Amino acid sequence: MGVFTIILPDVGEGIAEAELTEWHVKIGDIVKEDDILAVVMTDKAAIEVPSEKEGTVTWLAGEVGDTIAIGAALVKLDVQGKGNGGAIVQDVAHETVAEASPPTLPVIEKPQAGPSVRKRAKEAGVSLLDITGTGPAGRITHEDMDKFLTPVPSAQSQTTEVKQIKITGMRRKIAEKMALSKSRIPHITIVEEVDMTNLEDLRGKLNAKYKDSRAKLTILPFMMRAIVEAVRAQPEMNAHFDDAANVVSQHSGVHIGIATQTAAGLSVPVVKNVQSLTLWGSAQNMSQLSELARNGKATRDDLTGSTITITSLGPLGAIASTPIINHPEVAIVGINKMAIRPMWDGQQFQPRNMMNISCSFDHRVIDGYDAALFVQKLKTLLETPAMMFIEG
């Protein structure tokens, strides 16, 4: 028999560590080659770690929520043959390095109690290990049994119970990302009212005409097209800001992140090169990527590379919102709830489909005037959708 150590593999892009979010095995389990041992979360995606050998699990690197360094030991197996020798294991706090050793079980002392107390506990179906003895040398008495079996109810305990939930996995990454964005980016948010009546009329006609042959169009593909047109005039909106190097990188390709709610939290799959896609191409790409994200099957490539982001709560959206920028981008477009409202046309009130858009900008590199121009361009394009498709 030998010991085979499986390390946390290098997942690329300069990642130095990953958070342990799931164990698929426990000590004593027999695993086969390619069985999934654990799932770890990087800044961008969840990654499954398979077993490289068949063997018995004898050691695990930590608990769910711990951070493991790339290249550190993750799992140890007893295997047939020589194995690959011992491995140096870096602890989850990255403070000390020690040789991995087999797990040791704590020594549990036998509770002290008389025969009659033991018999009573057995008949009641309780373990003496759960009872605190108050007799000499911690001996469990009948009074201790009485207190354990008939605890005094506390009215206060019914109103002061606190449930603690450890933040792990994607929720932890979201928290870190939001804290980074809000702490480092001075946001400016502009809210504008948009008359969506003409666009909704066009969208309804296109969906009716192509319902049997093309993907259904929501508002989002039109917003994606409007963003493509708006950044032609203002390429500084389609950019990343490296505040450490004080460098703004403007991108020629428009890669739009679509904020998507999943069971694990908010994910942002990226539709690449939207400037080259039709409305239906954008709709199909967005639908496929969102489905992968919801099922936890989106790859790192699916979730990276966005240059500007759209966020929408759909029918649950409010009148207005203040979107948080997806760092290191410099702009984000928020879609709010649409509603029919009476609007004055100069002679009378008319029912119109109205929707507010909320756009946030990095005020370090985007001035308020330029932000307002961008929002007005989006408004114009959405209110007169034919302009999205006119060359020049």
Protein backbone atom coordinates (compact mmCIF):
# COMPACT_ATOMS: atom_id res chain seq x y z
CA MET A 1 0.00 0.00 0.00
CA GLY A 2 1.12 3.56 -0.66
CA VAL A 3 -0.06 7.11 -0.15
CA PHE A 4 -1.21 9.13 -3.15
CA THR A 5 -1.66 12.87 -2.63
CA ILE A 6 -4.02 14.80 -4.89
CA ILE A 7 -3.22 18.51 -5.04
CA LEU A 8 -5.45 21.42 -5.94
CA PRO A 9 -4.66 21.88 -9.65
CA ASP A 10 -3.68 25.11 -11.34
CA VAL A 11 -6.88 26.53 -12.86
CA GLY A 12 -5.10 29.21 -14.91
CA GLU A 13 -5.26 33.01 -15.23
CA GLY A 14 -2.89 33.54 -12.33
CA ILE A 15 -5.30 32.19 -9.71
CA ALA A 16 -3.38 31.61 -6.44
CA GLU A 17 -6.10 30.08 -4.31
CA ALA A 18 -9.65 28.76 -4.39
CA GLU A 19 -12.45 28.36 -1.89
CA LEU A 20 -13.60 24.86 -0.98
CA THR A 21 -17.37 24.82 -1.55
CA GLU A 22 -18.31 21.11 -1.64
CA TRP A 23 -16.90 17.77 -0.48
CA HIS A 24 -18.12 14.77 -2.46
CA VAL A 25 -16.18 12.31 -0.28
CA LYS A 26 -15.38 11.71 3.37
CA ILE A 27 -12.60 9.87 5.19
CA GLY A 28 -12.98 6.11 4.66
CA ASP A 29 -14.69 6.38 1.26
CA ILE A 30 -13.40 4.25 -1.60
CA VAL A 31 -13.06 6.26 -4.80
CA LYS A 32 -12.30 5.32 -8.37
CA GLU A 33 -10.28 7.21 -10.94
CA ASP A 34 -12.17 10.28 -12.25
CA ASP A 35 -14.66 10.28 -9.36
CA ILE A 36 -15.37 13.86 -8.26
CA LEU A 37 -13.72 14.57 -4.91
CA ALA A 38 -14.57 18.21 -4.32
CA VAL A 39 -15.77 21.44 -5.88
CA VAL A 40 -13.78 24.66 -5.47
CA MET A 41 -14.75 28.21 -6.38
CA THR A 42 -12.44 30.76 -7.97
CA ASP A 43 -13.31 34.39 -8.67
CA LYS A 44 -15.15 33.34 -11.81
CA ALA A 45 -16.39 29.76 -11.73
CA ALA A 46 -16.93 26.53 -9.81
CA ILE A 47 -14.42 23.79 -10.68
CA GLU A 48 -14.77 20.04 -10.00
CA VAL A 49 -11.63 18.22 -8.84
CA PRO A 50 -11.52 14.54 -9.92
CA SER A 51 -9.53 11.70 -8.40
CA GLU A 52 -6.40 10.65 -10.26
CA LYS A 53 -6.28 7.19 -8.68
CA GLU A 54 -8.41 4.47 -7.15
CA GLY A 55 -8.02 4.26 -3.41
CA THR A 56 -9.38 4.94 0.08
CA VAL A 57 -9.68 8.49 1.40
CA THR A 58 -7.53 8.96 4.50
CA TRP A 59 -7.15 12.75 4.74
CA LEU A 60 -9.03 15.88 3.67
CA ALA A 61 -7.53 19.36 3.49
CA GLY A 62 -10.23 21.33 5.29
CA GLU A 63 -13.87 22.22 5.67
CA VAL A 64 -16.34 23.87 3.32
CA GLY A 65 -15.60 27.59 3.29
CA ASP A 66 -11.84 27.18 3.76
CA THR A 67 -9.42 28.69 1.25
CA ILE A 68 -6.92 26.28 -0.31
CA ALA A 69 -3.75 27.38 -2.10
CA ILE A 70 -3.15 26.21 -5.67
CA GLY A 71 -0.67 23.32 -5.51
CA ALA A 72 -1.51 22.44 -1.90
CA ALA A 73 -2.62 18.93 -0.95
CA LEU A 74 -6.39 18.48 -1.18
CA VAL A 75 -6.99 14.76 -0.58
CA LYS A 76 -4.83 11.78 0.44
CA LEU A 77 -5.58 8.23 -0.64
CA ASP A 78 -4.31 4.82 0.40
CA VAL A 79 -3.62 3.13 -2.93
CA GLN A 80 -2.26 -0.15 -4.20
CA GLY A 81 1.43 0.13 -5.00
CA LYS A 82 3.93 2.82 -4.17
CA GLY A 83 1.75 5.94 -4.49
CA ASN A 84 3.44 9.28 -4.96
CA GLY A 85 4.83 9.77 -1.45
CA GLY A 86 3.92 12.29 1.22
CA ALA A 87 3.08 15.86 0.38
CA ILE A 88 3.61 19.13 2.10
CA VAL A 89 0.24 20.56 3.07
CA GLN A 90 -0.29 24.29 3.43
CA ASP A 91 -2.92 25.09 5.99
CA VAL A 92 -6.03 26.99 4.88
CA ALA A 93 -4.90 30.21 6.51
CA HIS A 94 -1.61 30.07 4.54
CA GLU A 95 0.36 30.70 7.73
CA THR A 96 2.12 27.40 8.40
CA VAL A 97 3.34 24.43 6.40
CA ALA A 98 3.42 20.93 7.86
CA GLU A 99 3.71 17.31 6.76
CA ALA A 100 0.29 15.71 6.32
CA SER A 101 -0.49 13.02 8.85
CA PRO A 102 -3.30 10.47 9.13
CA PRO A 103 -6.34 11.73 11.10
CA THR A 104 -6.52 10.82 14.75
CA LEU A 105 -9.76 10.27 16.64
CA PRO A 106 -10.34 12.05 19.95
CA VAL A 107 -10.32 9.92 23.10
CA ILE A 108 -13.78 9.96 24.66
CA GLU A 109 -13.89 9.24 28.39
CA LYS A 110 -16.67 7.02 29.70
CA PRO A 111 -19.26 9.04 31.66
CA GLN A 112 -19.33 8.38 35.40
CA ALA A 113 -22.75 7.18 36.59
CA GLY A 114 -24.30 4.54 38.85
CA PRO A 115 -26.07 1.41 37.53
CA SER A 116 -29.55 2.80 38.22
CA VAL A 117 -28.75 6.02 36.32
CA ARG A 118 -27.34 4.03 33.38
CA LYS A 119 -30.46 1.84 33.29
CA ARG A 120 -32.71 4.90 33.35
CA ALA A 121 -30.76 6.52 30.50
CA LYS A 122 -30.97 3.33 28.43
CA GLU A 123 -34.74 3.09 28.95
CA ALA A 124 -35.16 6.76 28.01
CA GLY A 125 -33.05 6.30 24.87
CA VAL A 126 -30.54 9.02 25.75
CA SER A 127 -26.76 9.03 25.74
CA LEU A 128 -24.93 9.82 28.97
CA LEU A 129 -22.39 11.65 26.82
CA ASP A 130 -25.01 14.36 26.33
CA ILE A 131 -25.58 14.94 30.04
CA THR A 132 -23.40 17.14 32.25
CA GLY A 133 -22.75 15.54 35.61
CA THR A 134 -22.81 17.67 38.76
CA GLY A 135 -21.87 14.96 41.25
CA PRO A 136 -18.39 14.26 42.66
CA ALA A 137 -15.76 14.08 39.86
CA GLY A 138 -18.47 14.86 37.30
CA ARG A 139 -20.61 11.87 38.22
CA ILE A 140 -24.09 11.93 36.63
CA THR A 141 -26.87 11.84 39.23
CA HIS A 142 -30.62 11.28 39.04
CA GLU A 143 -31.07 15.04 39.46
CA ASP A 144 -28.92 15.55 36.36
CA MET A 145 -31.14 13.07 34.51
CA ASP A 146 -34.28 14.89 35.69
CA LYS A 147 -32.91 18.22 34.47
CA PHE A 148 -31.94 16.74 31.10
CA LEU A 149 -35.26 14.95 30.52
CA THR A 150 -37.48 17.82 31.68
CA PRO A 151 -35.64 21.05 30.90
CA VAL A 152 -37.10 24.25 32.29
CA PRO A 153 -38.66 26.17 29.39
CA SER A 154 -37.36 29.67 28.86
CA ALA A 155 -39.63 32.28 27.30
CA GLN A 156 -36.60 34.39 26.47
CA SER A 157 -34.90 31.56 24.58
CA GLN A 158 -37.90 31.38 22.25
CA THR A 159 -37.36 34.96 21.11
CA THR A 160 -33.58 35.27 21.08
CA GLU A 161 -32.57 32.31 18.94
CA VAL A 162 -29.96 33.29 16.34
CA LYS A 163 -29.22 31.21 13.28
CA GLN A 164 -25.70 31.68 11.93
CA ILE A 165 -25.09 30.90 8.27
CA LYS A 166 -21.54 30.77 6.94
CA ILE A 167 -21.11 32.66 3.68
CA THR A 168 -19.37 30.34 1.21
CA GLY A 169 -19.03 29.64 -2.48
CA MET A 170 -20.61 31.97 -5.01
CA ARG A 171 -22.32 34.09 -2.33
CA ARG A 172 -18.92 34.79 -0.78
CA LYS A 173 -17.46 35.74 -4.17
CA ILE A 174 -20.42 38.04 -4.83
CA ALA A 175 -19.89 39.71 -1.44
CA GLU A 176 -16.19 40.24 -2.17
CA LYS A 177 -16.92 41.58 -5.68
CA MET A 178 -19.57 44.01 -4.48
CA ALA A 179 -17.38 45.25 -1.62
CA LEU A 180 -14.51 45.79 -4.04
CA SER A 181 -16.68 47.71 -6.49
CA LYS A 182 -18.34 49.96 -3.92
CA SER A 183 -15.13 50.66 -1.99
CA ARG A 184 -12.99 51.53 -5.04
CA ILE A 185 -15.40 52.96 -7.59
CA PRO A 186 -17.14 56.32 -7.03
CA HIS A 187 -20.50 55.68 -8.69
CA ILE A 188 -22.67 58.22 -10.49
CA THR A 189 -26.15 56.93 -11.41
CA ILE A 190 -28.52 58.50 -13.94
CA VAL A 191 -32.17 57.43 -14.16
CA GLU A 192 -34.08 58.24 -17.35
CA GLU A 193 -37.67 57.59 -18.42
CA VAL A 194 -38.09 55.81 -21.77
CA ASP A 195 -41.23 55.41 -23.87
CA MET A 196 -41.06 51.75 -24.95
CA THR A 197 -44.36 51.72 -26.86
CA ASN A 198 -42.85 51.62 -30.36
CA LEU A 199 -40.25 49.03 -29.41
CA GLU A 200 -42.86 46.81 -27.77
CA ASP A 201 -45.00 47.05 -30.91
CA LEU A 202 -42.02 46.04 -33.08
CA ARG A 203 -41.03 43.26 -30.72
CA GLY A 204 -44.54 41.82 -30.74
CA LYS A 205 -44.71 41.82 -34.55
CA LEU A 206 -41.28 40.20 -34.94
CA ASN A 207 -42.09 37.47 -32.42
CA ALA A 208 -45.43 36.76 -34.15
CA LYS A 209 -43.81 36.58 -37.58
CA TYR A 210 -40.89 34.35 -36.60
CA LYS A 211 -42.36 32.39 -33.69
CA ASP A 212 -41.87 29.04 -35.44
CA SER A 213 -38.35 29.60 -36.75
CA ARG A 214 -36.41 31.93 -34.45
CA ALA A 215 -35.73 32.55 -30.78
CA LYS A 216 -38.23 34.70 -28.89
CA LEU A 217 -37.12 38.30 -28.50
CA THR A 218 -37.24 39.93 -25.07
CA ILE A 219 -36.27 43.53 -24.35
CA LEU A 220 -32.68 42.50 -23.69
CA PRO A 221 -31.52 41.87 -27.30
CA PHE A 222 -32.80 45.35 -28.23
CA MET A 223 -30.95 46.86 -25.27
CA MET A 224 -27.81 45.00 -26.33
CA ARG A 225 -28.15 46.41 -29.85
CA ALA A 226 -28.72 49.91 -28.46
CA ILE A 227 -25.56 49.63 -26.36
CA VAL A 228 -23.54 48.58 -29.43
CA GLU A 229 -24.74 51.68 -31.28
CA ALA A 230 -24.21 53.99 -28.30
CA VAL A 231 -20.60 52.93 -27.71
CA ARG A 232 -19.73 53.57 -31.35
CA ALA A 233 -19.97 57.27 -30.48
CA GLN A 234 -18.61 56.86 -26.94
CA PRO A 235 -16.04 54.02 -26.89
CA GLU A 236 -14.92 55.10 -23.41
CA MET A 237 -18.06 53.38 -22.05
CA ASN A 238 -16.90 49.99 -23.38
CA ALA A 239 -13.78 49.83 -21.26
CA HIS A 240 -11.90 48.58 -18.21
CA PHE A 241 -10.14 50.84 -15.72
CA ASP A 242 -6.99 49.52 -14.04
CA ASP A 243 -6.83 51.92 -11.10
CA ALA A 244 -3.53 50.47 -9.88
CA ALA A 245 -1.78 51.35 -13.14
CA ASN A 246 -4.07 54.31 -13.97
CA VAL A 247 -4.78 52.85 -17.41
CA VAL A 248 -8.14 52.76 -19.22
CA SER A 249 -8.43 49.98 -21.82
CA GLN A 250 -11.07 50.66 -24.49
CA HIS A 251 -12.27 47.53 -26.28
CA SER A 252 -13.26 47.31 -29.93
CA GLY A 253 -15.42 44.24 -29.31
CA VAL A 254 -18.60 44.77 -27.31
CA HIS A 255 -18.78 41.90 -24.82
CA ILE A 256 -21.94 42.30 -22.76
CA GLY A 257 -22.34 40.66 -19.37
CA ILE A 258 -25.92 39.65 -18.51
CA ALA A 259 -26.53 39.59 -14.76
CA THR A 260 -28.38 36.30 -14.16
CA GLN A 261 -29.95 35.06 -10.95
CA THR A 262 -29.12 31.43 -10.11
CA ALA A 263 -29.84 29.18 -7.14
CA ALA A 264 -26.30 29.87 -5.90
CA GLY A 265 -26.49 33.64 -6.37
CA LEU A 266 -25.88 36.24 -9.04
CA SER A 267 -23.83 35.11 -12.05
CA VAL A 268 -22.76 37.18 -15.08
CA PRO A 269 -22.42 35.13 -18.30
CA VAL A 270 -20.93 37.08 -21.18
CA VAL A 271 -22.25 37.36 -24.75
CA LYS A 272 -19.11 38.03 -26.80
CA ASN A 273 -18.83 40.35 -29.83
CA VAL A 274 -22.42 41.54 -29.77
CA GLN A 275 -21.57 44.03 -32.52
CA SER A 276 -21.43 41.06 -34.93
CA LEU A 277 -24.73 39.47 -33.86
CA THR A 278 -28.30 39.92 -35.08
CA LEU A 279 -31.14 40.44 -32.63
CA TRP A 280 -31.88 36.72 -32.74
CA GLY A 281 -28.21 35.83 -32.45
CA SER A 282 -28.00 37.91 -29.26
CA ALA A 283 -31.20 36.31 -27.95
CA GLN A 284 -29.99 32.77 -28.64
CA ASN A 285 -26.52 33.31 -27.18
CA MET A 286 -27.97 34.98 -24.08
CA SER A 287 -30.51 32.20 -23.55
CA GLN A 288 -27.92 29.44 -23.86
CA LEU A 289 -25.41 31.12 -21.54
CA SER A 290 -28.04 31.97 -18.92
CA GLU A 291 -29.22 28.36 -18.90
CA LEU A 292 -25.64 27.12 -18.40
CA ALA A 293 -25.19 29.58 -15.53
CA ARG A 294 -28.42 28.51 -13.82
CA ASN A 295 -27.42 24.84 -14.10
CA GLY A 296 -23.92 25.51 -12.76
CA LYS A 297 -22.34 24.40 -16.05
CA ALA A 298 -20.95 27.74 -17.27
CA THR A 299 -17.20 27.65 -17.92
CA ARG A 300 -14.64 30.30 -17.00
CA ASP A 301 -14.72 31.54 -20.59
CA ASP A 302 -18.52 31.89 -20.37
CA LEU A 303 -18.19 34.07 -17.27
CA THR A 304 -15.22 36.29 -18.11
CA GLY A 305 -14.31 39.07 -20.51
CA SER A 306 -17.32 41.39 -20.25
CA THR A 307 -16.71 45.04 -21.15
CA ILE A 308 -20.10 46.42 -20.10
CA THR A 309 -22.97 44.81 -18.17
CA ILE A 310 -26.79 44.79 -18.26
CA THR A 311 -28.76 44.05 -15.10
CA SER A 312 -32.52 43.51 -14.94
CA LEU A 313 -35.00 42.13 -12.41
CA GLY A 314 -37.66 41.75 -15.08
CA PRO A 315 -41.26 41.95 -13.79
CA LEU A 316 -39.93 42.16 -10.22
CA GLY A 317 -38.01 45.33 -11.00
CA ALA A 318 -38.84 48.60 -9.29
CA ILE A 319 -39.40 52.09 -10.69
CA ALA A 320 -35.69 52.83 -10.36
CA SER A 321 -32.50 51.19 -9.10
CA THR A 322 -28.84 52.04 -8.51
CA PRO A 323 -26.80 49.29 -10.23
CA ILE A 324 -23.33 48.49 -8.91
CA ILE A 325 -20.62 48.45 -11.59
CA ASN A 326 -19.08 45.10 -12.46
CA HIS A 327 -15.41 45.86 -11.63
CA PRO A 328 -13.19 46.64 -13.59
CA GLU A 329 -15.79 47.90 -16.08
CA VAL A 330 -16.75 51.58 -16.11
CA ALA A 331 -20.48 51.40 -16.89
CA ILE A 332 -23.55 49.27 -16.20
CA VAL A 333 -27.08 49.57 -17.62
CA GLY A 334 -30.05 48.69 -15.41
CA ILE A 335 -33.49 47.84 -16.78
CA ASN A 336 -36.47 48.61 -14.54
CA LYS A 337 -40.08 47.51 -14.57
CA MET A 338 -42.26 48.48 -17.53
CA ALA A 339 -45.76 49.84 -16.92
CA ILE A 340 -48.52 51.55 -18.88
CA ARG A 341 -48.80 55.16 -17.71
CA PRO A 342 -50.79 58.18 -19.01
CA MET A 343 -48.46 60.53 -20.89
CA TRP A 344 -49.31 64.03 -22.19
CA ASP A 345 -48.85 64.36 -25.96
CA GLY A 346 -49.50 68.10 -26.09
CA GLN A 347 -53.25 67.76 -26.48
CA GLN A 348 -54.36 64.88 -24.31
CA PHE A 349 -53.14 62.02 -22.13
CA GLN A 350 -52.29 58.79 -23.98
CA PRO A 351 -51.54 55.35 -22.50
CA ARG A 352 -47.89 54.54 -23.16
CA ASN A 353 -45.54 51.68 -22.22
CA MET A 354 -43.03 53.47 -19.98
CA MET A 355 -39.83 52.12 -18.44
CA ASN A 356 -36.97 53.72 -16.54
CA ILE A 357 -33.36 52.82 -17.24
CA SER A 358 -30.78 53.27 -14.46
CA CYS A 359 -27.17 53.59 -15.60
CA SER A 360 -24.17 53.79 -13.26
CA PHE A 361 -20.71 55.04 -14.27
CA ASP A 362 -17.22 55.14 -12.78
CA HIS A 363 -16.95 58.86 -12.03
CA ARG A 364 -13.15 58.69 -11.98
CA VAL A 365 -13.04 58.23 -15.75
CA ILE A 366 -16.57 59.12 -16.92
CA ASP A 367 -17.76 62.71 -16.49
CA GLY A 368 -21.39 63.45 -15.72
CA TYR A 369 -21.88 65.17 -19.10
CA ASP A 370 -20.61 62.13 -21.03
CA ALA A 371 -22.72 59.83 -18.86
CA ALA A 372 -25.81 61.90 -19.65
CA LEU A 373 -25.03 61.79 -23.40
CA PHE A 374 -24.77 58.00 -23.26
CA VAL A 375 -28.10 57.65 -21.44
CA GLN A 376 -29.82 60.01 -23.89
CA LYS A 377 -28.44 58.01 -26.81
CA LEU A 378 -29.89 54.82 -25.34
CA LYS A 379 -33.23 56.58 -24.78
CA THR A 380 -33.36 57.80 -28.39
CA LEU A 381 -32.54 54.38 -29.82
CA LEU A 382 -35.08 52.57 -27.63
CA GLU A 383 -37.84 55.06 -28.41
CA THR A 384 -37.13 54.95 -32.18
CA PRO A 385 -35.87 51.38 -32.63
CA ALA A 386 -35.53 51.70 -36.42
CA MET A 387 -32.47 53.89 -35.78
CA MET A 388 -30.62 50.87 -34.34
CA PHE A 389 -30.49 49.34 -37.80
CA ILE A 390 -29.63 52.36 -39.94
CA GLU A 391 -26.01 52.39 -41.09
CA GLY A 392 -24.07 55.56 -40.15
